[in-house]
């Protein structure tokens, strides 16, 4: 599928076990309110989140 990263909104003590870090640490922020420690990312390809705008949809 060629995904470079996976972003989740999840429990801050669960996802880091699998290599996730806060998206904030990678410079990714969203325009809506949420706990920053729960918004996490894992890079499938190193250094993949480029410095650009991200679109996030809440389901």
PDB file of N, CA and C in Angstrom:
ATOM      1  N   UNK A   1       0.804  -1.195   0.000  1.00  0.00           N
ATOM      2  CA  UNK A   1       0.000   0.000   0.000  1.00  0.00           C
ATOM      3  C   UNK A   1       0.850   1.263   0.000  1.00  0.00           C
ATOM      4  N   UNK A   2       2.109   1.153   0.238  1.00  0.00           N
ATOM      5  CA  UNK A   2       3.049   2.269   0.163  1.00  0.00           C
ATOM      6  C   UNK A   2       2.822   3.363   1.192  1.00  0.00           C
ATOM      7  N   UNK A   3       2.250   3.019   2.333  1.00  0.00           N
ATOM      8  CA  UNK A   3       2.121   4.008   3.400  1.00  0.00           C
ATOM      9  C   UNK A   3       3.492   4.292   3.989  1.00  0.00           C
ATOM     10  N   UNK A   4       3.745   5.548   4.310  1.00  0.00           N
ATOM     11  CA  UNK A   4       5.023   5.938   4.889  1.00  0.00           C
ATOM     12  C   UNK A   4       4.951   6.037   6.400  1.00  0.00           C
ATOM     13  N   UNK A   5       3.764   6.350   6.922  1.00  0.00           N
ATOM     14  CA  UNK A   5       3.571   6.525   8.360  1.00  0.00           C
ATOM     15  C   UNK A   5       2.155   6.114   8.730  1.00  0.00           C
ATOM     16  N   UNK A   6       1.965   5.837  10.006  1.00  0.00           N
ATOM     17  CA  UNK A   6       0.632   5.579  10.545  1.00  0.00           C
ATOM     18  C   UNK A   6       0.433   6.529  11.711  1.00  0.00           C
ATOM     19  N   UNK A   7      -0.700   7.198  11.731  1.00  0.00           N
ATOM     20  CA  UNK A   7      -1.031   8.137  12.791  1.00  0.00           C
ATOM     21  C   UNK A   7      -2.256   7.608  13.516  1.00  0.00           C
ATOM     22  N   UNK A   8      -2.213   7.607  14.851  1.00  0.00           N
ATOM     23  CA  UNK A   8      -3.343   7.139  15.650  1.00  0.00           C
ATOM     24  C   UNK A   8      -3.671   8.142  16.749  1.00  0.00           C
ATOM     25  N   UNK A   9      -4.887   8.067  17.205  1.00  0.00           N
ATOM     26  CA  UNK A   9      -5.312   8.764  18.404  1.00  0.00           C
ATOM     27  C   UNK A   9      -5.635   7.655  19.386  1.00  0.00           C
ATOM     28  N   UNK A  10      -4.744   7.444  20.349  1.00  0.00           N
ATOM     29  CA  UNK A  10      -4.898   6.292  21.217  1.00  0.00           C
ATOM     30  C   UNK A  10      -4.258   6.481  22.579  1.00  0.00           C
ATOM     31  N   UNK A  11      -4.259   5.422  23.343  1.00  0.00           N
ATOM     32  CA  UNK A  11      -3.769   5.455  24.721  1.00  0.00           C
ATOM     33  C   UNK A  11      -2.252   5.640  24.752  1.00  0.00           C
ATOM     34  N   UNK A  12      -1.820   6.652  25.480  1.00  0.00           N
ATOM     35  CA  UNK A  12      -0.402   7.038  25.496  1.00  0.00           C
ATOM     36  C   UNK A  12       0.519   6.027  26.171  1.00  0.00           C
ATOM     37  N   UNK A  13      -0.023   5.056  26.875  1.00  0.00           N
ATOM     38  CA  UNK A  13       0.829   4.027  27.489  1.00  0.00           C
ATOM     39  C   UNK A  13       0.804   2.716  26.701  1.00  0.00           C
ATOM     40  N   UNK A  14      -0.104   2.597  25.738  1.00  0.00           N
ATOM     41  CA  UNK A  14      -0.226   1.363  24.969  1.00  0.00           C
ATOM     42  C   UNK A  14       0.600   1.411  23.674  1.00  0.00           C
ATOM     43  N   UNK A  15       0.383   2.419  22.861  1.00  0.00           N
ATOM     44  CA  UNK A  15       1.000   2.466  21.534  1.00  0.00           C
ATOM     45  C   UNK A  15       2.519   2.618  21.524  1.00  0.00           C
ATOM     46  N   UNK A  16       3.137   3.301  22.477  1.00  0.00           N
ATOM     47  CA  UNK A  16       4.607   3.376  22.460  1.00  0.00           C
ATOM     48  C   UNK A  16       5.295   2.005  22.520  1.00  0.00           C
ATOM     49  N   UNK A  17       4.618   0.991  23.041  1.00  0.00           N
ATOM     50  CA  UNK A  17       5.191  -0.370  23.062  1.00  0.00           C
ATOM     51  C   UNK A  17       5.517  -0.862  21.656  1.00  0.00           C
ATOM     52  N   UNK A  18       4.803  -0.311  20.672  1.00  0.00           N
ATOM     53  CA  UNK A  18       4.958  -0.753  19.287  1.00  0.00           C
ATOM     54  C   UNK A  18       5.775   0.228  18.446  1.00  0.00           C
ATOM     55  N   UNK A  19       6.378   1.212  19.109  1.00  0.00           N
ATOM     56  CA  UNK A  19       7.241   2.142  18.402  1.00  0.00           C
ATOM     57  C   UNK A  19       6.627   3.499  18.091  1.00  0.00           C
ATOM     58  N   UNK A  20       5.379   3.713  18.505  1.00  0.00           N
ATOM     59  CA  UNK A  20       4.743   5.010  18.268  1.00  0.00           C
ATOM     60  C   UNK A  20       5.341   6.063  19.188  1.00  0.00           C
ATOM     61  N   UNK A  21       5.399   7.310  18.691  1.00  0.00           N
ATOM     62  CA  UNK A  21       5.810   8.458  19.498  1.00  0.00           C
ATOM     63  C   UNK A  21       4.768   9.546  19.277  1.00  0.00           C
ATOM     64  N   UNK A  22       4.784  10.562  20.114  1.00  0.00           N
ATOM     65  CA  UNK A  22       3.802  11.614  19.915  1.00  0.00           C
ATOM     66  C   UNK A  22       4.063  12.296  18.572  1.00  0.00           C
ATOM     67  N   UNK A  23       3.005  12.620  17.896  1.00  0.00           N
ATOM     68  CA  UNK A  23       3.124  13.305  16.611  1.00  0.00           C
ATOM     69  C   UNK A  23       3.750  14.686  16.811  1.00  0.00           C
ATOM     70  N   UNK A  24       3.510  15.268  17.965  1.00  0.00           N
ATOM     71  CA  UNK A  24       4.101  16.565  18.290  1.00  0.00           C
ATOM     72  C   UNK A  24       5.629  16.497  18.210  1.00  0.00           C
ATOM     73  N   UNK A  25       6.214  15.383  18.642  1.00  0.00           N
ATOM     74  CA  UNK A  25       7.673  15.210  18.578  1.00  0.00           C
ATOM     75  C   UNK A  25       8.185  15.272  17.135  1.00  0.00           C
ATOM     76  N   UNK A  26       7.320  14.963  16.180  1.00  0.00           N
ATOM     77  CA  UNK A  26       7.680  14.994  14.765  1.00  0.00           C
ATOM     78  C   UNK A  26       7.228  16.284  14.098  1.00  0.00           C
ATOM     79  N   UNK A  27       6.710  17.220  14.889  1.00  0.00           N
ATOM     80  CA  UNK A  27       6.294  18.506  14.340  1.00  0.00           C
ATOM     81  C   UNK A  27       4.926  18.499  13.694  1.00  0.00           C
ATOM     82  N   UNK A  28       4.121  17.486  13.995  1.00  0.00           N
ATOM     83  CA  UNK A  28       2.788  17.384  13.399  1.00  0.00           C
ATOM     84  C   UNK A  28       1.760  17.824  14.435  1.00  0.00           C
ATOM     85  N   UNK A  29       0.964  18.793  14.065  1.00  0.00           N
ATOM     86  CA  UNK A  29      -0.107  19.264  14.937  1.00  0.00           C
ATOM     87  C   UNK A  29      -1.404  19.283  14.134  1.00  0.00           C
ATOM     88  N   UNK A  30      -2.522  19.332  14.846  1.00  0.00           N
ATOM     89  CA  UNK A  30      -3.824  19.401  14.189  1.00  0.00           C
ATOM     90  C   UNK A  30      -4.539  20.660  14.641  1.00  0.00           C
ATOM     91  N   UNK A  31      -5.552  21.035  13.903  1.00  0.00           N
ATOM     92  CA  UNK A  31      -6.246  22.281  14.178  1.00  0.00           C
ATOM     93  C   UNK A  31      -7.418  22.122  15.143  1.00  0.00           C
ATOM     94  N   UNK A  32      -7.638  20.919  15.662  1.00  0.00           N
ATOM     95  CA  UNK A  32      -8.713  20.719  16.624  1.00  0.00           C
ATOM     96  C   UNK A  32      -8.129  20.265  17.956  1.00  0.00           C
ATOM     97  N   UNK A  33      -8.913  20.424  18.995  1.00  0.00           N
ATOM     98  CA  UNK A  33      -8.429  20.152  20.340  1.00  0.00           C
ATOM     99  C   UNK A  33      -8.411  18.656  20.645  1.00  0.00           C
ATOM    100  N   UNK A  34      -7.287  18.201  21.170  1.00  0.00           N
ATOM    101  CA  UNK A  34      -7.141  16.810  21.610  1.00  0.00           C
ATOM    102  C   UNK A  34      -5.916  16.736  22.506  1.00  0.00           C
ATOM    103  N   UNK A  35      -5.841  15.717  23.355  1.00  0.00           N
ATOM    104  CA  UNK A  35      -4.639  15.573  24.179  1.00  0.00           C
ATOM    105  C   UNK A  35      -3.427  15.239  23.303  1.00  0.00           C
ATOM    106  N   UNK A  36      -2.383  16.057  23.365  1.00  0.00           N
ATOM    107  CA  UNK A  36      -1.226  15.853  22.485  1.00  0.00           C
ATOM    108  C   UNK A  36      -0.523  14.527  22.745  1.00  0.00           C
ATOM    109  N   UNK A  37      -0.597  14.011  23.978  1.00  0.00           N
ATOM    110  CA  UNK A  37       0.061  12.735  24.274  1.00  0.00           C
ATOM    111  C   UNK A  37      -0.667  11.551  23.645  1.00  0.00           C
ATOM    112  N   UNK A  38      -1.910  11.743  23.201  1.00  0.00           N
ATOM    113  CA  UNK A  38      -2.687  10.659  22.599  1.00  0.00           C
ATOM    114  C   UNK A  38      -2.584  10.627  21.073  1.00  0.00           C
ATOM    115  N   UNK A  39      -2.071  11.691  20.468  1.00  0.00           N
ATOM    116  CA  UNK A  39      -1.934  11.777  19.024  1.00  0.00           C
ATOM    117  C   UNK A  39      -0.533  11.293  18.673  1.00  0.00           C
ATOM    118  N   UNK A  40      -0.429  10.085  18.098  1.00  0.00           N
ATOM    119  CA  UNK A  40       0.864   9.437  17.918  1.00  0.00           C
ATOM    120  C   UNK A  40       1.094   8.998  16.479  1.00  0.00           C
ATOM    121  N   UNK A  41       2.370   8.792  16.182  1.00  0.00           N
ATOM    122  CA  UNK A  41       2.780   8.403  14.837  1.00  0.00           C
ATOM    123  C   UNK A  41       3.866   7.334  14.933  1.00  0.00           C
ATOM    124  N   UNK A  42       3.889   6.468  13.938  1.00  0.00           N
ATOM    125  CA  UNK A  42       5.013   5.553  13.750  1.00  0.00           C
ATOM    126  C   UNK A  42       5.441   5.690  12.292  1.00  0.00           C
ATOM    127  N   UNK A  43       6.718   5.785  12.073  1.00  0.00           N
ATOM    128  CA  UNK A  43       7.254   5.892  10.717  1.00  0.00           C
ATOM    129  C   UNK A  43       7.541   4.495  10.171  1.00  0.00           C
ATOM    130  N   UNK A  44       6.930   4.166   9.069  1.00  0.00           N
ATOM    131  CA  UNK A  44       7.224   2.906   8.401  1.00  0.00           C
ATOM    132  C   UNK A  44       8.446   3.062   7.507  1.00  0.00           C
ATOM    133  N   UNK A  45       8.652   4.289   7.029  1.00  0.00           N
ATOM    134  CA  UNK A  45       9.846   4.662   6.279  1.00  0.00           C
ATOM    135  C   UNK A  45      10.493   5.793   7.071  1.00  0.00           C
ATOM    136  N   UNK A  46      11.736   5.637   7.510  1.00  0.00           N
ATOM    137  CA  UNK A  46      12.378   6.659   8.348  1.00  0.00           C
ATOM    138  C   UNK A  46      12.307   8.061   7.756  1.00  0.00           C
ATOM    139  N   UNK A  47      12.058   9.031   8.637  1.00  0.00           N
ATOM    140  CA  UNK A  47      11.962  10.452   8.274  1.00  0.00           C
ATOM    141  C   UNK A  47      10.880  10.734   7.234  1.00  0.00           C
ATOM    142  N   UNK A  48       9.807   9.944   7.253  1.00  0.00           N
ATOM    143  CA  UNK A  48       8.770  10.108   6.231  1.00  0.00           C
ATOM    144  C   UNK A  48       7.822  11.286   6.438  1.00  0.00           C
ATOM    145  N   UNK A  49       7.497  11.705   7.661  1.00  0.00           N
ATOM    146  CA  UNK A  49       6.588  12.862   7.728  1.00  0.00           C
ATOM    147  C   UNK A  49       7.299  14.141   7.300  1.00  0.00           C
ATOM    148  N   UNK A  50       7.012  14.591   6.099  1.00  0.00           N
ATOM    149  CA  UNK A  50       7.624  15.820   5.622  1.00  0.00           C
ATOM    150  C   UNK A  50       6.997  17.011   6.325  1.00  0.00           C
ATOM    151  N   UNK A  51       7.701  18.121   6.316  1.00  0.00           N
ATOM    152  CA  UNK A  51       7.174  19.351   6.891  1.00  0.00           C
ATOM    153  C   UNK A  51       6.133  19.917   5.936  1.00  0.00           C
ATOM    154  N   UNK A  52       4.902  19.530   6.134  1.00  0.00           N
ATOM    155  CA  UNK A  52       3.809  20.016   5.301  1.00  0.00           C
ATOM    156  C   UNK A  52       2.524  19.933   6.097  1.00  0.00           C
ATOM    157  N   UNK A  53       1.458  20.390   5.536  1.00  0.00           N
ATOM    158  CA  UNK A  53       0.157  20.328   6.204  1.00  0.00           C
ATOM    159  C   UNK A  53      -0.365  18.901   6.181  1.00  0.00           C
ATOM    160  N   UNK A  54      -0.996  18.517   7.228  1.00  0.00           N
ATOM    161  CA  UNK A  54      -1.617  17.205   7.307  1.00  0.00           C
ATOM    162  C   UNK A  54      -3.113  17.398   7.432  1.00  0.00           C
ATOM    163  N   UNK A  55      -3.859  16.574   6.759  1.00  0.00           N
ATOM    164  CA  UNK A  55      -5.319  16.586   6.878  1.00  0.00           C
ATOM    165  C   UNK A  55      -5.698  15.432   7.775  1.00  0.00           C
ATOM    166  N   UNK A  56      -6.436  15.716   8.826  1.00  0.00           N
ATOM    167  CA  UNK A  56      -6.872  14.668   9.757  1.00  0.00           C
ATOM    168  C   UNK A  56      -8.389  14.668   9.836  1.00  0.00           C
ATOM    169  N   UNK A  57      -8.979  13.534   9.638  1.00  0.00           N
ATOM    170  CA  UNK A  57     -10.410  13.373   9.717  1.00  0.00           C
ATOM    171  C   UNK A  57     -10.733  12.576  10.961  1.00  0.00           C
ATOM    172  N   UNK A  58     -11.742  12.987  11.686  1.00  0.00           N
ATOM    173  CA  UNK A  58     -12.163  12.274  12.886  1.00  0.00           C
ATOM    174  C   UNK A  58     -13.355  11.403  12.516  1.00  0.00           C
ATOM    175  N   UNK A  59     -13.241  10.102  12.787  1.00  0.00           N
ATOM    176  CA  UNK A  59     -14.326   9.159  12.478  1.00  0.00           C
ATOM    177  C   UNK A  59     -15.061   8.780  13.736  1.00  0.00           C
TER     178      UNK A  59
END
